[in-house]
Protein backbone atom coordinates (compact mmCIF):
# COMPACT_ATOMS: atom_id res chain seq x y z
CA MET A 1 -56.23 37.78 -19.12
CA THR A 2 -59.76 36.66 -18.36
CA SER A 3 -61.73 39.40 -16.63
CA VAL A 4 -63.66 39.20 -13.39
CA SER A 5 -66.90 39.83 -15.24
CA ALA A 6 -66.23 36.83 -17.49
CA ALA A 7 -65.55 34.68 -14.45
CA VAL A 8 -68.76 35.79 -12.79
CA GLY A 9 -70.62 35.00 -15.97
CA GLY A 10 -69.31 31.45 -15.85
CA SER A 11 -67.48 31.66 -19.18
CA VAL A 12 -63.88 31.10 -18.10
CA PRO A 13 -62.25 28.86 -20.74
CA TRP A 14 -60.83 25.65 -19.33
CA ARG A 15 -57.33 26.55 -20.53
CA ALA A 16 -57.50 29.85 -18.68
CA LYS A 17 -58.74 28.07 -15.57
CA LEU A 18 -55.92 25.54 -15.83
CA ARG A 19 -53.38 28.35 -16.14
CA GLY A 20 -55.03 29.99 -13.13
CA TYR A 21 -54.58 26.92 -10.96
CA LEU A 22 -50.98 26.63 -12.10
CA ALA A 23 -50.41 30.30 -11.26
CA LEU A 24 -51.74 29.69 -7.74
CA THR A 25 -48.73 27.49 -7.05
CA LYS A 26 -46.25 30.26 -8.03
CA PRO A 27 -44.17 28.00 -10.32
CA ARG A 28 -41.12 30.26 -10.36
CA ILE A 29 -40.85 30.12 -6.58
CA VAL A 30 -41.32 26.34 -6.59
CA GLU A 31 -38.60 26.04 -9.22
CA LEU A 32 -36.19 28.03 -7.08
CA LEU A 33 -36.90 25.83 -4.06
CA LEU A 34 -36.14 22.71 -6.07
CA VAL A 35 -32.83 24.19 -7.20
CA THR A 36 -31.72 23.83 -3.58
CA THR A 37 -33.28 20.41 -2.91
CA VAL A 38 -31.68 18.19 -5.55
CA PRO A 39 -28.04 19.31 -5.08
CA THR A 40 -28.47 18.81 -1.34
CA MET A 41 -29.41 15.21 -2.10
CA PHE A 42 -26.13 14.77 -3.99
CA VAL A 43 -24.13 15.95 -0.98
CA ALA A 44 -26.16 13.79 1.41
CA LYS A 45 -25.56 10.74 -0.78
CA GLY A 46 -21.91 11.55 -1.41
CA GLY A 47 -22.68 10.84 -5.06
CA VAL A 48 -25.66 10.59 -7.37
CA PRO A 49 -28.93 9.59 -5.66
CA SER A 50 -31.35 7.28 -7.42
CA VAL A 51 -33.40 8.97 -10.11
CA TRP A 52 -36.58 7.58 -8.54
CA LEU A 53 -35.78 9.09 -5.15
CA MET A 54 -34.96 12.47 -6.67
CA LEU A 55 -38.16 12.41 -8.72
CA ALA A 56 -40.30 11.40 -5.74
CA THR A 57 -38.76 14.11 -3.56
CA VAL A 58 -39.16 16.78 -6.23
CA VAL A 59 -42.80 15.84 -6.86
CA GLY A 60 -43.68 15.85 -3.16
CA GLY A 61 -41.78 19.06 -2.51
CA SER A 62 -43.45 20.77 -5.47
CA LEU A 63 -46.91 19.75 -4.28
CA ALA A 64 -46.24 21.01 -0.76
CA ALA A 65 -44.75 24.32 -1.90
CA GLY A 66 -47.51 24.82 -4.45
CA GLY A 67 -50.20 24.25 -1.84
CA ALA A 68 -48.57 26.73 0.53
CA ASN A 69 -48.35 29.35 -2.20
CA ALA A 70 -52.02 28.83 -3.10
CA VAL A 71 -53.07 29.44 0.52
CA ASN A 72 -50.92 32.57 0.50
CA MET A 73 -52.87 33.88 -2.48
CA VAL A 74 -56.20 33.14 -0.78
CA VAL A 75 -55.15 35.09 2.31
CA ASP A 76 -53.59 37.97 0.35
CA GLN A 77 -56.26 38.46 -2.31
CA ASP A 78 -57.30 41.79 -0.75
CA ILE A 79 -53.86 43.35 -1.06
CA ASP A 80 -53.17 41.60 -4.38
CA ARG A 81 -56.02 43.65 -5.87
CA VAL A 82 -54.17 46.86 -5.00
CA MET A 83 -50.53 46.01 -5.75
CA GLN A 84 -49.38 46.49 -9.33
CA ARG A 85 -47.17 43.42 -9.17
CA THR A 86 -50.01 41.09 -8.17
CA LYS A 87 -53.22 42.51 -9.62
CA GLN A 88 -53.30 39.90 -12.41
CA ARG A 89 -53.26 36.93 -10.06
CA PRO A 90 -56.07 34.40 -10.66
CA LEU A 91 -58.09 35.20 -7.53
CA VAL A 92 -58.06 38.89 -8.40
CA THR A 93 -59.15 38.38 -12.00
CA GLY A 94 -61.77 35.84 -10.96
CA VAL A 95 -60.36 32.97 -12.99
CA VAL A 96 -60.37 30.87 -9.80
CA THR A 97 -62.69 31.37 -6.82
CA PRO A 98 -61.27 31.61 -3.28
CA ARG A 99 -63.11 28.47 -2.19
CA ALA A 100 -61.82 26.48 -5.16
CA ALA A 101 -58.30 27.78 -4.51
CA LEU A 102 -58.44 26.71 -0.87
CA VAL A 103 -59.73 23.23 -1.76
CA PHE A 104 -56.97 22.99 -4.37
CA ALA A 105 -54.33 24.01 -1.81
CA VAL A 106 -55.48 21.52 0.84
CA THR A 107 -55.61 18.77 -1.79
CA LEU A 108 -52.02 19.51 -2.81
CA GLU A 109 -50.85 19.37 0.81
CA VAL A 110 -52.59 16.03 1.43
CA LEU A 111 -51.12 14.59 -1.77
CA ALA A 112 -47.67 15.90 -0.83
CA PHE A 113 -47.75 14.33 2.62
CA VAL A 114 -49.01 10.97 1.34
CA GLU A 115 -46.59 10.89 -1.60
CA LEU A 116 -43.54 11.81 0.49
CA THR A 117 -44.49 9.36 3.24
CA LEU A 118 -44.98 6.45 0.87
CA ALA A 119 -42.32 7.17 -1.75
CA VAL A 120 -39.62 8.86 0.36
CA ASN A 121 -39.93 8.74 4.17
CA LEU A 122 -41.98 10.13 7.02
CA LEU A 123 -39.36 12.68 8.12
CA SER A 124 -39.35 14.34 4.70
CA ALA A 125 -43.15 14.44 4.71
CA VAL A 126 -43.30 16.00 8.19
CA LEU A 127 -40.66 18.61 7.29
CA ALA A 128 -42.51 19.60 4.11
CA LEU A 129 -45.80 19.93 5.99
CA ALA A 130 -44.11 21.91 8.77
CA ALA A 131 -42.71 24.34 6.18
CA THR A 132 -46.22 24.89 4.82
CA ALA A 133 -47.66 25.48 8.28
CA PHE A 134 -44.88 27.95 9.11
CA TYR A 135 -45.30 29.81 5.82
CA VAL A 136 -49.07 30.07 6.17
CA PHE A 137 -49.53 30.71 9.88
CA VAL A 138 -46.31 32.44 10.94
CA TYR A 139 -45.45 34.44 7.82
CA THR A 140 -48.68 35.00 5.87
CA LEU A 141 -51.24 35.27 8.67
CA TRP A 142 -49.08 36.83 11.38
CA LEU A 143 -45.80 38.51 10.43
CA LYS A 144 -46.37 39.78 6.90
CA ARG A 145 -48.75 42.56 7.92
CA THR A 146 -47.37 43.28 11.38
CA SER A 147 -43.55 43.28 11.34
CA SER A 148 -40.78 44.74 9.20
CA GLN A 149 -38.87 41.55 9.97
CA ASN A 150 -41.59 39.50 8.29
CA ILE A 151 -39.44 38.07 5.51
CA VAL A 152 -36.49 37.44 7.86
CA ILE A 153 -38.43 35.11 10.15
CA GLY A 154 -41.01 33.92 7.63
CA GLY A 155 -38.29 33.13 5.12
CA ALA A 156 -37.34 30.12 7.21
CA ALA A 157 -40.07 28.20 5.39
CA GLY A 158 -38.16 28.58 2.14
CA ALA A 159 -35.07 27.09 3.74
CA VAL A 160 -36.78 23.81 4.67
CA PRO A 161 -36.42 22.12 1.22
CA VAL A 162 -32.72 21.50 1.90
CA LEU A 163 -33.72 19.63 5.05
CA VAL A 164 -36.29 17.65 3.04
CA GLY A 165 -33.67 16.75 0.45
CA TRP A 166 -31.14 15.61 3.05
CA ALA A 167 -33.73 13.64 5.02
CA ALA A 168 -34.94 11.97 1.81
CA VAL A 169 -31.49 10.43 1.31
CA THR A 170 -30.35 9.74 4.86
CA GLY A 171 -33.55 9.50 6.92
CA HIS A 172 -32.14 11.94 9.48
CA LEU A 173 -30.67 15.43 9.82
CA ALA A 174 -27.09 16.54 10.57
CA TRP A 175 -24.97 19.69 10.70
CA PRO A 176 -24.43 20.11 6.92
CA PRO A 177 -28.15 20.44 6.10
CA LEU A 178 -28.66 22.71 9.11
CA LEU A 179 -25.89 24.97 7.75
CA LEU A 180 -27.57 24.91 4.35
CA PHE A 181 -30.81 25.86 6.09
CA ALA A 182 -28.96 28.81 7.66
CA LEU A 183 -27.54 29.72 4.27
CA ILE A 184 -30.96 29.94 2.59
CA PHE A 185 -32.35 31.67 5.68
CA LEU A 186 -29.70 34.39 5.30
CA TRP A 187 -30.08 34.56 1.52
CA THR A 188 -33.84 35.21 1.58
CA PRO A 189 -33.89 38.76 3.04
CA PRO A 190 -31.43 40.34 0.57
CA HIS A 191 -33.13 38.47 -2.27
CA PHE A 192 -36.61 39.68 -1.35
CA TRP A 193 -35.71 43.13 -0.04
CA ALA A 194 -33.93 43.96 -3.31
CA LEU A 195 -37.16 43.25 -5.20
CA ALA A 196 -39.27 45.02 -2.57
CA ILE A 197 -37.27 48.22 -3.09
CA ARG A 198 -38.77 48.41 -6.57
CA TYR A 199 -42.28 47.81 -5.25
CA ARG A 200 -42.01 49.75 -1.98
CA GLU A 201 -44.86 52.09 -2.95
CA ASP A 202 -47.09 49.05 -3.51
CA TYR A 203 -46.34 47.80 -0.01
CA ARG A 204 -47.00 51.25 1.45
CA ALA A 205 -50.32 51.41 -0.37
CA VAL A 206 -51.50 48.19 1.29
CA GLU A 207 -49.81 48.97 4.64
CA VAL A 208 -47.58 45.91 4.58
CA PRO A 209 -44.44 46.86 6.56
CA MET A 210 -41.89 45.24 4.24
CA LEU A 211 -38.54 46.76 5.23
CA PRO A 212 -38.08 48.92 2.08
CA ALA A 213 -41.56 50.38 2.69
CA VAL A 214 -40.72 51.57 6.20
CA ARG A 215 -36.98 52.33 5.93
CA SER A 216 -34.88 54.34 3.50
CA ILE A 217 -33.10 52.57 0.67
CA PRO A 218 -29.64 53.23 2.22
CA GLN A 219 -30.83 51.60 5.46
CA VAL A 220 -32.11 48.59 3.54
CA ALA A 221 -28.90 48.44 1.52
CA ARG A 222 -26.86 48.20 4.72
CA GLN A 223 -29.00 45.28 5.85
CA ILE A 224 -28.61 43.59 2.45
CA LEU A 225 -24.82 43.92 2.60
CA ALA A 226 -24.70 42.54 6.14
CA TYR A 227 -26.67 39.47 5.11
CA THR A 228 -24.53 38.84 2.02
CA VAL A 229 -21.37 38.96 4.15
CA ALA A 230 -22.95 36.53 6.60
CA LEU A 231 -23.66 34.25 3.65
CA LEU A 232 -19.93 34.03 2.93
CA VAL A 233 -19.24 32.96 6.49
CA VAL A 234 -21.94 30.28 6.57
CA THR A 235 -20.90 28.98 3.15
CA GLY A 236 -17.36 28.54 4.46
CA LEU A 237 -18.62 26.68 7.52
CA PHE A 238 -20.70 24.38 5.32
CA ALA A 239 -17.77 23.69 2.97
CA TRP A 240 -15.62 22.73 5.96
CA ASP A 241 -18.22 20.63 7.76
CA ALA A 242 -19.41 18.80 4.62
CA HIS A 243 -15.82 18.25 3.39
CA MET A 244 -16.50 19.94 0.07
CA GLY A 245 -13.75 20.05 -2.53
CA VAL A 246 -11.67 22.76 -4.17
CA LEU A 247 -14.13 23.18 -7.02
CA PHE A 248 -16.93 24.15 -4.66
CA GLY A 249 -14.63 26.34 -2.59
CA VAL A 250 -13.47 28.37 -5.60
CA VAL A 251 -16.92 28.72 -7.17
CA ALA A 252 -18.62 29.52 -3.87
CA GLY A 253 -15.98 32.10 -3.01
CA LEU A 254 -16.20 33.92 -6.34
CA ASP A 255 -19.99 33.63 -6.35
CA GLY A 256 -20.28 35.07 -2.86
CA LEU A 257 -17.79 37.88 -3.46
CA GLY A 258 -19.67 38.88 -6.59
CA PHE A 259 -22.93 39.00 -4.65
CA CYS A 260 -21.30 41.07 -1.91
CA TRP A 261 -19.87 43.47 -4.49
CA LEU A 262 -23.32 44.14 -5.95
CA ALA A 263 -24.68 44.70 -2.44
CA TRP A 264 -21.82 47.13 -1.73
CA ARG A 265 -22.53 48.87 -5.04
CA LEU A 266 -26.16 49.32 -3.98
CA LEU A 267 -25.07 50.81 -0.65
CA ALA A 268 -22.57 53.15 -2.32
CA ARG A 269 -25.21 54.59 -4.63
CA PRO A 270 -28.72 53.38 -3.75
CA SER A 271 -31.18 53.14 -6.62
CA THR A 272 -34.00 50.94 -7.84
CA GLU A 273 -31.90 49.84 -10.80
CA ARG A 274 -29.05 48.67 -8.59
CA ALA A 275 -31.50 46.96 -6.27
CA MET A 276 -32.91 44.99 -9.19
CA ALA A 277 -29.36 44.04 -10.17
CA VAL A 278 -28.96 42.57 -6.67
CA PHE A 279 -32.28 40.74 -7.01
CA HIS A 280 -31.38 39.11 -10.31
CA ALA A 281 -27.89 38.30 -9.04
CA SER A 282 -29.36 36.64 -5.95
CA ILE A 283 -31.13 34.09 -8.15
CA SER A 284 -27.96 33.42 -10.13
CA TYR A 285 -25.99 33.22 -6.88
CA VAL A 286 -28.05 30.47 -5.30
CA THR A 287 -28.35 28.56 -8.59
CA VAL A 288 -24.60 28.58 -9.19
CA LEU A 289 -23.81 27.77 -5.57
CA PHE A 290 -26.00 24.67 -5.44
CA ALA A 291 -25.02 23.54 -8.92
CA ALA A 292 -21.40 23.72 -7.76
CA MET A 293 -22.30 21.56 -4.76
CA ALA A 294 -23.66 18.81 -6.97
CA LEU A 295 -20.84 19.07 -9.51
CA ASP A 296 -18.16 19.07 -6.81
CA THR A 297 -19.65 15.90 -5.32
CA VAL A 298 -19.77 14.11 -8.68
CA VAL A 299 -16.24 15.19 -9.63
CA ARG A 300 -14.75 14.06 -6.31
CA ILE A 301 -16.23 10.54 -6.51
CA HIS A 302 -14.68 10.06 -9.96
CA TRP A 303 -11.19 11.22 -8.94
C-alpha cells in the first residue's frame, strides 16, 4: 500500500490512485446493494425486465451508492486512522486527498441522478439521491457518533435500492417493495452488529457507540436474534402480498430458519467466532433470498 509520505511527495502511481478511487466507493457494499435491486425488478415486472433497464438501473444505483460511500470516508477519515479495520483506506494512506475524494463523490452523485433520470425515470433518481442524503446526513454526520441505534435508523439508506429497482420497472411504489424495504431494514442490524462484535474494541477506541461497543455480547446477541425472527415474519408477509410461489416459500423458510439458528447459537454461547459466523451467514442469507425471488418469478411464468 502506498504510504502517506509517498502521497505527500507526489509520487503516487496512477494505478494506485485508481485503486484508491475505487476503494472510496466500497465496492463490496455496492455489490451487496445490487444483489437486492435486480431480483426486485424481476418481481416488479412479473418476469424478466429488459436487459437495458436492468443495466441502466444498476449503473445509476452503483454511482449513487459509491458517491455516498466516498462521502462517508471523507467524514470518517479521523476515526479510520485509528481503527484497525479501516487504517488502510485511501484517505488514511494519502493515496487520495480529502478534497479530491469529495469532488469525486459529488461527481458520482450528479452522474447518478442524471443517468437514472434520463435512462430510467425520475422517481428512481429521486429515491437514489434521497438514500445518499439519508446515509450522509442522518447516519454518518448525526447518528453514527451519538447513538447506539445508529445502524438501526441509518441502515434505512441501504434498504432504498429495492425501492429504486421497483420504481425503475413500474414508475411507482406499492406494498411489496415497502415490505422488501422493511426486510432489508431489519436485516441490517444483525448483519452489522455481528461484524461489530469482532471490532468492538476499535469502536470503543474512537468513541463510536456501536451497540457491541456499549453493550455486552449476550445483550447484542438477544437483539440479533429478535431481528432475525422479525425477518421471518416480514418475509412471510412479502411472500403473501407479492403472490410468490412455493419455490420462494420453501427457500425463504429454510434460509430464514438457518439464519435464526445461527443467531440462537450465538446467544447460547456468545463468542467472536460465532458472531462472525452470523455475519458471513447474513450475506449468504440475503443473496439466497433475493436469488430465490428472481428464480421463483421466472419459473412461475414458464409453468
